[in-house]
Protein backbone atom coordinates (compact mmCIF):
# COMPACT_ATOMS: atom_id res chain seq x y z
CA MET A 1 -185.32 -43.48 -28.82
CA VAL A 2 -188.37 -45.05 -29.88
CA THR A 3 -190.82 -43.59 -32.71
CA PHE A 4 -193.71 -44.11 -34.90
CA GLN A 5 -191.85 -45.83 -37.67
CA ASN A 6 -189.92 -48.11 -35.61
CA TYR A 7 -192.03 -49.27 -32.89
CA ARG A 8 -193.94 -52.63 -34.07
CA PRO A 9 -195.27 -54.74 -30.79
CA LYS A 10 -196.07 -58.18 -31.91
CA THR A 11 -200.28 -57.68 -32.00
CA MET A 12 -201.16 -53.50 -33.09
CA PRO A 13 -204.15 -52.39 -32.32
CA ASN A 14 -206.76 -51.54 -35.27
CA LEU A 15 -208.68 -48.30 -36.00
CA SER A 16 -211.74 -47.47 -37.59
CA ILE A 17 -213.21 -45.16 -39.34
CA LYS A 18 -216.61 -45.27 -40.04
CA ASN A 19 -219.06 -42.87 -42.99
CA VAL A 20 -216.19 -41.73 -44.79
CA PRO A 21 -217.75 -39.67 -47.28
CA GLU A 22 -216.77 -40.39 -50.60
CA PRO A 23 -215.35 -37.41 -51.87
CA MET A 24 -212.38 -37.75 -49.22
CA LEU A 25 -212.09 -41.25 -49.47
CA ALA A 26 -211.26 -40.23 -53.56
CA GLN A 27 -208.82 -37.37 -52.38
CA LEU A 28 -206.78 -40.19 -49.92
CA ARG A 29 -207.16 -42.77 -52.44
CA ALA A 30 -204.99 -40.32 -54.71
CA ARG A 31 -202.57 -39.33 -52.31
CA ALA A 32 -201.58 -42.03 -51.65
CA LYS A 33 -201.16 -43.04 -55.17
CA GLN A 34 -199.37 -40.58 -54.92
CA HIS A 35 -197.36 -41.17 -52.36
CA HIS A 36 -196.48 -45.02 -54.17
CA ARG A 37 -198.20 -45.89 -50.96
CA SER A 38 -201.68 -48.35 -50.23
CA LEU A 39 -203.88 -46.49 -48.77
CA GLN A 40 -203.38 -48.39 -45.22
CA GLY A 41 -199.70 -46.54 -45.67
CA GLU A 42 -201.19 -43.32 -46.20
CA LEU A 43 -203.00 -42.84 -43.41
CA MET A 44 -200.85 -44.27 -41.26
CA ALA A 45 -198.23 -41.72 -42.32
CA ILE A 46 -200.96 -38.86 -42.12
CA LEU A 47 -201.25 -40.47 -38.19
CA GLU A 48 -197.73 -40.20 -37.56
CA GLU A 49 -197.31 -36.90 -38.69
CA ALA A 50 -200.20 -35.50 -36.85
CA VAL A 51 -198.71 -37.21 -33.22
CA GLN A 52 -195.10 -36.31 -34.09
CA PRO A 53 -194.00 -32.57 -32.90
CA ARG A 54 -193.85 -30.18 -35.35
CA LYS A 55 -190.13 -28.66 -36.17
CA LEU A 56 -190.59 -24.83 -35.70
CA SER A 57 -189.34 -22.91 -38.59
CA LEU A 58 -186.44 -20.16 -37.84
CA GLU A 59 -188.62 -17.25 -38.52
CA GLU A 60 -191.16 -19.24 -35.72
CA VAL A 61 -188.06 -19.27 -32.75
CA ARG A 62 -187.40 -15.97 -33.94
CA GLN A 63 -191.06 -14.66 -33.12
CA ARG A 64 -191.23 -16.75 -29.65
CA VAL A 65 -187.62 -15.78 -28.52
CA LYS A 66 -189.39 -11.74 -28.96
CA GLY A 67 -192.63 -12.53 -27.54
CA LEU A 68 -190.46 -14.42 -24.32
CA GLY A 69 -189.35 -10.66 -23.55
CA ILE A 70 -185.52 -12.76 -24.12
CA GLN A 71 -182.46 -10.14 -25.05
CA THR A 72 -180.07 -11.00 -27.30
CA GLY A 73 -177.14 -8.82 -29.00
CA ASP A 74 -175.24 -6.69 -27.12
CA GLU A 75 -175.20 -8.93 -24.02
CA SER A 76 -174.48 -12.36 -25.80
CA ALA A 77 -171.34 -10.61 -27.40
CA ALA A 78 -170.25 -9.24 -24.03
CA TRP A 79 -170.46 -12.82 -22.54
CA VAL A 80 -168.22 -13.97 -25.56
CA ARG A 81 -165.56 -11.96 -25.56
CA GLU A 82 -165.93 -12.30 -21.29
CA LEU A 83 -165.41 -16.42 -22.14
CA ARG A 84 -162.26 -15.74 -25.14
CA ASP A 85 -160.51 -12.67 -22.86
CA ALA A 86 -161.01 -15.61 -19.73
CA ARG A 87 -158.79 -18.20 -21.84
């Protein structure tokens, strides 16, 4: 699987952000320093994090399953018993 971290073509396009407010630039520089990265490296890390799928917490998964109306519990226990007894 190719991820952003290991995808490096021979030539990469450039991205330019214009008119960045000074306070924001100062915050980005401080964040880069905190993570021991260059400003370019910090910006790349921020972009990579923004485009990768977010991992759900267990509670978020539970809420989504509940919202879909999927029932578990007694049914799943019965399936496990049925599979176990079939051996």
